[in-house]
Protein backbone atom coordinates (compact mmCIF):
# COMPACT_ATOMS: atom_id res chain seq x y z
CA UNK A 1 74.29 263.22 122.33
CA UNK A 2 73.88 260.40 124.75
CA UNK A 3 75.54 257.33 125.19
CA UNK A 4 73.41 255.74 122.46
CA UNK A 5 74.81 258.04 119.96
CA UNK A 6 78.46 257.39 121.33
CA UNK A 7 77.83 253.71 120.36
CA UNK A 8 77.74 254.96 116.44
CA UNK A 9 80.81 257.05 116.83
CA UNK A 10 82.87 253.93 118.03
CA UNK A 11 85.34 252.92 115.23
CA UNK A 12 88.61 250.78 115.07
CA UNK A 13 91.58 252.57 115.87
CA UNK A 14 94.48 253.44 113.29
CA UNK A 15 97.15 251.90 115.41
CA UNK A 16 97.01 248.59 117.78
CA UNK A 17 98.18 249.25 121.49
CA UNK A 18 98.67 246.83 124.19
CA UNK A 19 96.43 247.82 126.98
CA UNK A 20 96.44 246.58 130.59
CA UNK A 21 93.23 246.81 132.76
CA UNK A 22 93.75 246.38 136.47
CA UNK A 23 91.00 245.20 138.99
CA UNK A 24 90.13 242.93 141.91
CA UNK A 25 90.38 239.02 141.20
CA UNK A 26 86.73 238.17 141.38
CA UNK A 27 84.09 236.44 139.45
CA UNK A 28 82.93 240.06 137.48
CA UNK A 29 86.52 240.28 136.54
CA UNK A 30 86.49 236.99 134.50
CA UNK A 31 83.16 238.31 132.83
CA UNK A 32 84.69 241.34 131.82
CA UNK A 33 87.72 239.43 130.19
CA UNK A 34 84.95 237.67 128.03
CA UNK A 35 83.20 241.16 127.43
CA UNK A 36 86.44 242.68 126.41
CA UNK A 37 86.87 240.25 123.45
CA UNK A 38 84.52 242.45 121.48
CA UNK A 39 86.64 245.24 122.45
CA UNK A 40 89.75 243.69 120.97
CA UNK A 41 87.61 242.60 117.86
CA UNK A 42 86.29 245.92 117.08
CA UNK A 43 89.34 248.00 117.84
CA UNK A 44 92.39 246.18 117.13
CA UNK A 45 93.96 246.70 120.55
CA UNK A 46 95.15 243.93 122.64
CA UNK A 47 93.81 243.69 126.13
CA UNK A 48 95.79 242.06 129.35
CA UNK A 49 94.50 242.13 132.82
CA UNK A 50 96.05 242.32 136.05
CA UNK A 51 93.82 241.09 138.83
CA UNK A 52 94.68 241.36 142.59
CA UNK A 53 92.79 239.19 145.42
CA UNK A 54 90.64 241.70 147.47
CA UNK A 55 92.57 241.45 150.84
CA UNK A 56 95.71 242.83 148.85
CA UNK A 57 93.86 244.70 146.24
CA UNK A 58 94.07 248.34 147.76
CA UNK A 59 97.67 247.92 148.96
CA UNK A 60 98.98 246.62 145.72
CA UNK A 61 97.18 249.00 143.47
CA UNK A 62 97.40 252.15 145.55
CA UNK A 63 101.31 251.49 145.68
CA UNK A 64 101.37 251.18 141.92
CA UNK A 65 99.64 254.53 141.63
CA UNK A 66 101.43 256.35 144.35
CA UNK A 67 104.62 255.22 142.63
CA UNK A 68 103.69 256.73 139.29
CA UNK A 69 103.86 252.97 138.02
CA UNK A 70 103.03 252.26 134.20
CA UNK A 71 101.45 248.60 134.91
CA UNK A 72 97.94 249.81 134.58
CA UNK A 73 96.42 251.67 131.65
CA UNK A 74 93.12 251.24 132.90
CA UNK A 75 92.34 251.07 136.52
CA UNK A 76 88.72 249.91 138.03
CA UNK A 77 89.75 251.46 141.48
CA UNK A 78 87.63 251.22 144.60
CA UNK A 79 84.88 253.84 145.23
CA UNK A 80 86.76 255.32 148.06
CA UNK A 81 90.08 255.93 145.94
CA UNK A 82 88.42 258.75 143.77
CA UNK A 83 89.49 261.46 145.81
CA UNK A 84 93.28 260.36 145.82
CA UNK A 85 93.12 259.52 142.23
CA UNK A 86 91.93 263.01 141.27
CA UNK A 87 93.96 264.88 143.90
CA UNK A 88 97.31 263.21 143.40
CA UNK A 89 96.86 263.25 139.69
CA UNK A 90 96.63 259.42 139.21
CA UNK A 91 93.67 259.68 137.24
CA UNK A 92 92.79 261.84 134.21
CA UNK A 93 89.71 264.06 134.21
CA UNK A 94 87.40 262.79 131.79
CA UNK A 95 84.69 265.66 131.46
CA UNK A 96 86.29 266.88 128.11
CA UNK A 97 86.35 263.29 126.67
CA UNK A 98 82.64 262.88 128.06
CA UNK A 99 81.36 265.85 126.30
CA UNK A 100 83.32 265.03 123.32
CA UNK A 101 82.13 261.63 122.62
CA UNK A 102 78.22 262.22 124.03
CA UNK A 103 78.65 260.34 127.28
CA UNK A 104 76.52 261.77 129.77
CA UNK A 105 76.50 261.15 133.70
CA UNK A 106 72.80 261.71 133.63
CA UNK A 107 72.46 258.39 131.69
CA UNK A 108 73.82 256.33 135.01
CA UNK A 109 72.34 255.73 138.23
CA UNK A 110 72.96 258.95 140.30
CA UNK A 111 74.44 257.00 143.35
CA UNK A 112 76.91 255.46 141.18
CA UNK A 113 77.88 258.72 139.44
CA UNK A 114 78.42 260.29 143.03
CA UNK A 115 80.09 257.14 144.43
CA UNK A 116 82.47 256.13 141.75
CA UNK A 117 82.93 259.42 139.45
CA UNK A 118 82.90 262.50 141.20
CA UNK A 119 85.57 264.59 142.97
CA UNK A 120 84.97 266.76 144.89
CA UNK A 121 81.54 264.94 145.96
CA UNK A 122 78.47 266.83 144.58
CA UNK A 123 80.17 268.61 141.83
CA UNK A 124 80.19 267.96 137.92
CA UNK A 125 84.11 266.82 137.87
CA UNK A 126 84.37 263.32 136.67
CA UNK A 127 87.41 261.10 137.16
CA UNK A 128 85.84 257.60 136.10
CA UNK A 129 82.94 256.05 134.48
CA UNK A 130 80.58 253.94 136.55
CA UNK A 131 81.58 250.52 135.90
CA UNK A 132 80.35 248.04 138.30
CA UNK A 133 77.45 248.95 140.62
CA UNK A 134 77.63 247.02 143.99
CA UNK A 135 76.16 247.09 147.56
CA UNK A 136 75.98 244.91 150.46
CA UNK A 137 73.00 242.96 150.95
CA UNK A 138 71.95 239.76 152.25
CA UNK A 139 71.36 236.30 150.98
CA UNK A 140 69.14 233.67 152.84
CA UNK A 141 68.34 230.02 153.01
CA UNK A 142 64.68 230.32 151.51
CA UNK A 143 64.25 226.68 151.65
CA UNK A 144 65.10 226.69 155.48
CA UNK A 145 62.65 229.46 155.78
CA UNK A 146 59.77 227.55 154.15
CA UNK A 147 59.99 224.48 156.42
CA UNK A 148 56.53 223.95 157.98
CA UNK A 149 58.22 222.91 161.24
CA UNK A 150 60.43 225.90 161.67
CA UNK A 151 57.84 228.40 160.47
CA UNK A 152 55.63 227.12 163.15
CA UNK A 153 57.94 227.18 165.83
CA UNK A 154 59.55 230.55 164.91
CA UNK A 155 55.92 232.04 164.96
CA UNK A 156 55.27 230.63 168.37
CA UNK A 157 58.46 231.92 169.70
CA UNK A 158 58.31 235.68 168.04
CA UNK A 159 54.81 236.13 167.14
CA UNK A 160 55.39 236.51 163.46
CA UNK A 161 55.96 234.88 160.15
CA UNK A 162 59.59 233.51 159.48
CA UNK A 163 60.25 235.81 156.47
CA UNK A 164 62.27 238.29 155.14
CA UNK A 165 63.54 240.50 157.95
CA UNK A 166 62.36 244.35 157.64
CA UNK A 167 64.60 245.68 160.32
CA UNK A 168 67.85 244.77 161.93
CA UNK A 169 66.13 243.62 165.14
CA UNK A 170 64.18 241.33 163.07
CA UNK A 171 67.35 240.09 161.48
CA UNK A 172 68.96 239.20 164.69
CA UNK A 173 65.91 237.43 165.90
CA UNK A 174 66.35 235.16 162.72
CA UNK A 175 70.01 234.81 163.56
CA UNK A 176 69.45 233.53 166.84
CA UNK A 177 66.54 231.24 165.82
CA UNK A 178 68.88 229.48 163.55
CA UNK A 179 72.18 229.59 165.80
CA UNK A 180 73.14 226.09 166.79
CA UNK A 181 70.09 224.53 165.39
CA UNK A 182 70.28 221.15 163.74
CA UNK A 183 69.00 220.79 160.30
CA UNK A 184 69.41 217.62 158.14
CA UNK A 185 71.80 216.30 160.74
CA UNK A 186 74.13 218.95 160.74
CA UNK A 187 74.57 222.10 163.24
CA UNK A 188 74.04 225.35 161.58
CA UNK A 189 74.76 229.10 162.54
CA UNK A 190 72.61 232.40 162.29
CA UNK A 191 74.74 234.82 159.95
CA UNK A 192 78.09 235.23 158.28
CA UNK A 193 79.01 238.89 158.89
CA UNK A 194 82.05 240.85 157.88
CA UNK A 195 84.56 240.77 160.62
CA UNK A 196 88.04 240.64 158.68
CA UNK A 197 90.75 242.84 160.21
CA UNK A 198 93.52 243.17 157.65
CA UNK A 199 92.03 245.28 155.02
CA UNK A 200 88.34 246.77 154.94
CA UNK A 201 86.36 243.87 155.92
CA UNK A 202 84.97 245.00 159.29
CA UNK A 203 84.27 248.45 158.43
CA UNK A 204 82.47 247.27 155.07
CA UNK A 205 80.08 245.18 157.67
CA UNK A 206 79.50 247.34 160.56
CA UNK A 207 78.57 250.50 158.55
CA UNK A 208 75.42 248.51 157.74
CA UNK A 209 74.44 248.89 161.28
CA UNK A 210 75.97 252.37 162.10
CA UNK A 211 74.01 254.08 159.31
CA UNK A 212 70.86 252.81 160.23
CA UNK A 213 71.22 253.83 163.89
CA UNK A 214 72.12 257.26 163.01
CA UNK A 215 75.92 257.18 162.53
CA UNK A 216 77.13 260.29 160.42
CA UNK A 217 80.75 260.79 159.15
CA UNK A 218 80.42 264.40 160.06
CA UNK A 219 78.20 267.34 160.73
CA UNK A 220 76.26 267.75 157.36
CA UNK A 221 76.22 271.33 157.71
CA UNK A 222 80.16 271.64 158.94
CA UNK A 223 82.52 269.28 157.00
CA UNK A 224 84.98 267.69 159.41
CA UNK A 225 82.98 268.39 162.54
CA UNK A 226 83.25 264.80 163.75
CA UNK A 227 82.02 264.94 167.60
CA UNK A 228 78.45 263.96 168.14
CA UNK A 229 78.13 262.49 164.83
CA UNK A 230 80.74 259.70 164.53
CA UNK A 231 80.12 259.06 168.22
CA UNK A 232 76.60 259.77 168.66
CA UNK A 233 74.25 258.04 170.79
CA UNK A 234 72.76 256.34 167.85
CA UNK A 235 76.27 255.29 166.47
CA UNK A 236 76.98 253.75 169.93
CA UNK A 237 74.06 251.69 169.73
CA UNK A 238 74.70 250.77 166.04
CA UNK A 239 78.24 249.51 167.05
CA UNK A 240 76.59 247.71 170.15
CA UNK A 241 74.12 246.01 167.82
CA UNK A 242 77.02 244.86 165.48
CA UNK A 243 79.03 243.23 168.48
CA UNK A 244 75.58 241.63 169.85
CA UNK A 245 75.16 240.09 166.33
CA UNK A 246 78.47 238.92 166.10
CA UNK A 247 78.25 237.31 169.85
CA UNK A 248 75.16 235.66 169.39
CA UNK A 249 74.90 234.60 165.82
CA UNK A 250 78.06 233.76 164.03
CA UNK A 251 79.67 230.60 163.37
CA UNK A 252 82.86 229.52 165.65
CA UNK A 253 86.00 230.91 164.22
CA UNK A 254 84.49 233.68 162.07
CA UNK A 255 86.31 236.38 163.82
CA UNK A 256 88.22 237.38 160.61
CA UNK A 257 86.10 236.55 157.79
CA UNK A 258 85.21 238.71 154.58
CA UNK A 259 83.81 238.03 151.28
CA UNK A 260 85.30 234.59 150.29
CA UNK A 261 84.68 233.05 153.92
CA UNK A 262 81.09 234.15 154.03
CA UNK A 263 80.47 232.79 150.39
CA UNK A 264 82.21 229.35 151.64
CA UNK A 265 80.12 229.10 154.89
CA UNK A 266 76.84 230.10 153.00
CA UNK A 267 77.40 227.48 150.08
CA UNK A 268 78.37 224.59 152.54
CA UNK A 269 75.35 225.00 154.46
CA UNK A 270 76.72 226.41 157.67
CA UNK A 271 74.40 229.75 157.71
CA UNK A 272 71.06 230.86 157.26
CA UNK A 273 71.94 234.49 156.52
CA UNK A 274 74.94 235.96 154.82
CA UNK A 275 76.02 239.37 154.40
CA UNK A 276 77.85 240.08 151.51
CA UNK A 277 78.23 242.50 148.31
CA UNK A 278 75.65 241.88 145.46
CA UNK A 279 78.44 240.58 143.05
CA UNK A 280 78.10 236.97 144.80
CA UNK A 281 74.44 236.53 143.90
CA UNK A 282 74.98 235.13 140.22
CA UNK A 283 77.31 232.59 141.76
CA UNK A 284 74.76 231.92 144.69
CA UNK A 285 71.82 231.54 142.13
CA UNK A 286 73.97 228.90 140.01
CA UNK A 287 75.33 226.95 143.15
CA UNK A 288 74.58 223.23 142.72
CA UNK A 289 74.20 223.08 146.74
CA UNK A 290 72.31 226.41 147.34
CA UNK A 291 71.07 227.78 144.17
CA UNK A 292 67.88 228.12 142.38
CA UNK A 293 64.85 228.26 144.88
CA UNK A 294 66.90 227.29 147.79
CA UNK A 295 67.96 230.97 148.21
CA UNK A 296 66.68 234.53 148.39
CA UNK A 297 67.87 237.92 148.62
CA UNK A 298 66.90 241.21 150.34
CA UNK A 299 68.52 244.54 150.90
CA UNK A 300 70.08 245.61 154.15
CA UNK A 301 67.14 246.04 156.76
CA UNK A 302 66.27 249.51 158.22
CA UNK A 303 67.29 250.33 161.65
CA UNK A 304 65.73 252.81 164.24
CA UNK A 305 67.99 255.61 162.59
CA UNK A 306 67.25 255.19 158.88
CA UNK A 307 67.53 252.83 155.99
CA UNK A 308 70.83 252.54 154.55
CA UNK A 309 73.41 250.18 152.85
CA UNK A 310 76.95 250.28 152.56
CA UNK A 311 78.08 251.00 148.85
CA UNK A 312 80.57 248.87 147.02
CA UNK A 313 81.53 248.97 143.25
CA UNK A 314 84.14 250.99 141.18
CA UNK A 315 84.37 253.20 138.41
CA UNK A 316 86.81 252.88 135.52
CA UNK A 317 89.51 255.46 134.98
CA UNK A 318 92.35 256.21 132.65
CA UNK A 319 95.71 256.17 134.51
CA UNK A 320 97.66 259.42 134.03
CA UNK A 321 100.89 257.40 133.78
CA UNK A 322 99.92 255.40 130.83
CA UNK A 323 101.52 255.85 127.52
CA UNK A 324 98.46 254.50 125.75
CA UNK A 325 95.83 257.03 127.10
CA UNK A 326 94.18 257.33 123.84
CA UNK A 327 93.42 253.47 123.47
CA UNK A 328 92.37 253.53 127.10
CA UNK A 329 89.81 256.19 126.25
CA UNK A 330 88.44 254.04 123.28
CA UNK A 331 87.95 251.26 125.67
CA UNK A 332 85.76 253.59 128.07
CA UNK A 333 83.75 254.85 124.85
CA UNK A 334 83.29 251.37 123.74
CA UNK A 335 82.09 250.01 127.49
CA UNK A 336 79.66 252.94 127.78
CA UNK A 337 77.75 251.91 124.97
CA UNK A 338 74.09 250.52 126.04
CA UNK A 339 74.51 247.13 123.88
CA UNK A 340 77.81 246.53 125.78
CA UNK A 341 76.26 247.54 129.09
CA UNK A 342 73.43 245.13 128.54
CA UNK A 343 75.78 242.36 127.78
CA UNK A 344 77.69 243.17 130.78
CA UNK A 345 74.71 242.62 133.20
CA UNK A 346 73.99 239.26 131.14
CA UNK A 347 77.50 238.00 131.70
CA UNK A 348 77.35 238.90 135.33
CA UNK A 349 78.56 242.15 135.51
CA UNK A 350 76.28 244.83 137.52
CA UNK A 351 75.66 247.72 134.90
CA UNK A 352 75.07 251.20 136.34
CA UNK A 353 73.43 252.45 132.90
CA UNK A 354 69.86 253.32 133.51
CA UNK A 355 68.78 252.24 130.11
CA UNK A 356 69.77 248.70 131.18
CA UNK A 357 68.42 248.73 134.99
CA UNK A 358 65.31 250.70 134.15
CA UNK A 359 64.37 248.32 131.24
CA UNK A 360 60.84 247.11 132.02
CA UNK A 361 62.16 243.64 131.98
CA UNK A 362 65.20 243.97 134.23
CA UNK A 363 63.71 243.68 137.82
CA UNK A 364 62.46 240.17 136.59
CA UNK A 365 65.58 239.20 134.57
CA UNK A 366 67.20 237.54 137.63
CA UNK A 367 65.85 236.48 141.01
CA UNK A 368 68.30 239.07 142.59
CA UNK A 369 67.57 242.25 140.13
CA UNK A 370 64.91 243.82 142.07
CA UNK A 371 67.05 243.57 145.29
CA UNK A 372 69.89 245.20 143.72
CA UNK A 373 67.63 248.10 142.56
CA UNK A 374 66.00 248.34 145.88
CA UNK A 375 69.67 248.28 147.46
CA UNK A 376 71.23 250.84 145.05
CA UNK A 377 68.30 253.23 146.33
CA UNK A 378 69.68 253.31 149.89
CA UNK A 379 73.40 253.39 149.60
CA UNK A 380 76.17 255.33 151.77
CA UNK A 381 79.87 255.17 151.31
CA UNK A 382 82.94 255.39 153.28
CA UNK A 383 85.19 258.54 153.17
CA UNK A 384 86.45 259.19 149.39
CA UNK A 385 89.05 261.72 150.79
CA UNK A 386 92.76 261.44 149.61
CA UNK A 387 93.57 260.24 152.99
CA UNK A 388 91.10 257.36 152.66
CA UNK A 389 93.88 254.75 153.77
CA UNK A 390 94.68 256.69 156.76
CA UNK A 391 91.00 257.00 157.74
CA UNK A 392 90.35 253.19 157.23
CA UNK A 393 93.27 252.00 159.10
CA UNK A 394 92.24 253.29 162.48
CA UNK A 395 88.56 252.35 162.00
CA UNK A 396 89.44 248.75 161.06
CA UNK A 397 91.69 248.73 164.38
CA UNK A 398 89.17 250.32 166.75
CA UNK A 399 86.00 248.60 165.48
CA UNK A 400 87.95 245.08 165.58
CA UNK A 401 89.05 245.32 168.85
CA UNK A 402 85.61 246.39 170.58
CA UNK A 403 83.36 243.78 168.31
CA UNK A 404 85.67 240.87 167.96
CA UNK A 405 88.17 241.08 171.02
CA UNK A 406 85.62 242.70 173.52
CA UNK A 407 88.01 245.50 174.63
CA UNK A 408 86.30 248.52 176.04
CA UNK A 409 83.06 249.96 175.21
CA UNK A 410 81.29 251.09 171.97
CA UNK A 411 81.38 254.70 173.22
CA UNK A 412 85.14 254.59 174.09
CA UNK A 413 86.01 253.02 170.52
CA UNK A 414 84.05 255.86 168.68
CA UNK A 415 85.55 258.45 171.05
CA UNK A 416 89.06 256.93 170.20
CA UNK A 417 87.93 256.91 166.46
CA UNK A 418 87.05 260.52 166.32
CA UNK A 419 90.51 261.35 167.90
CA UNK A 420 92.37 259.43 165.24
CA UNK A 421 90.28 261.01 162.37
CA UNK A 422 90.85 264.39 163.68
CA UNK A 423 94.50 264.05 163.70
CA UNK A 424 94.34 262.76 159.98
CA UNK A 425 92.53 265.91 159.31
CA UNK A 426 94.83 268.07 161.07
CA UNK A 427 97.77 266.73 159.12
CA UNK A 428 95.87 267.58 156.10
CA UNK A 429 94.96 271.08 157.43
CA UNK A 430 91.57 270.66 156.94
CA UNK A 431 91.15 271.07 160.72
């Protein structure tokens, strides 16, 4: 039975429960509140929501899980938490529930199943239902790109049209072209990129360069073999590229920027290009200053070592400490239905259900829909090991010190990161 049949099987509960769903505080969460009114009406259960701003989301929610807290019945946890959620017993395994209710992982975008649901990776062991597909991409000022004077000047300088960049090198050229330029009486800058130090920001940014220059998390043929992969010549060149992009082409004072700061810079007309997760695109399109035809969207450009983009997004899990697991599973059963997933996309949620994104009308349903599809086809993700937080902390530190503070060389930063990560895996007994 497929999720289409699961829809017919969904029926009101005999007893009403109070459920709390935990997620990050951002626009999609508001859309989920609206969407969930249908669940409350059909199930009889009452929904509450606990949303935490992104910079504090991981600390707050991982502390909740690690302490066995009962605040959350449902958790839309970040993709990198899945290993911890499974191995520490925070999430219940969903295979039997999926089988019993006709929910097939084959009905979802494969990258989201691997990224949000599976642990161990590459095995059919599921701990979450793909809930929100997301990926780092780029927004650009289409109206600036279309100005005849700027098009002519750019072509004269670079010998090609001012258009969506196909490579990271072309992206840097465009950012340099706009850096410090005066447009409509205002000084503008090239690109807003992720530089945030405190949580995960600069890691979610720099990986879009590292992957495309040849960085690998480990030897594809020997797990946890790091030397020569994390700090390969390609990885070093990718890190040098990201620093060069930061040095040449970002606004003054952008040394600690993540999602919200990049959105603010773009909407206020400070930058020509913005790196950010795809979740922001509905808000950009609707913005009175930069929305509609003024903005366009493109996937992270290719580099000399490949073409990838950093995966974002989350799956929805049932917390094992919940006293309302049955009602929480009913929510997942309801959420998996194709008609609910279609409405989820219409409200601004990025459905990962193939019946929605492979519909012939999907690509033209929004100006950013095709870019979302193209981007989801090239994703890579950070470690999803149970030691995720211990792996993230040194990467934030090593990368920020090199890119922003200018300490040492790219090779020294990545060599040090290899040493840090080896210590984590040695402590876990994996090395």
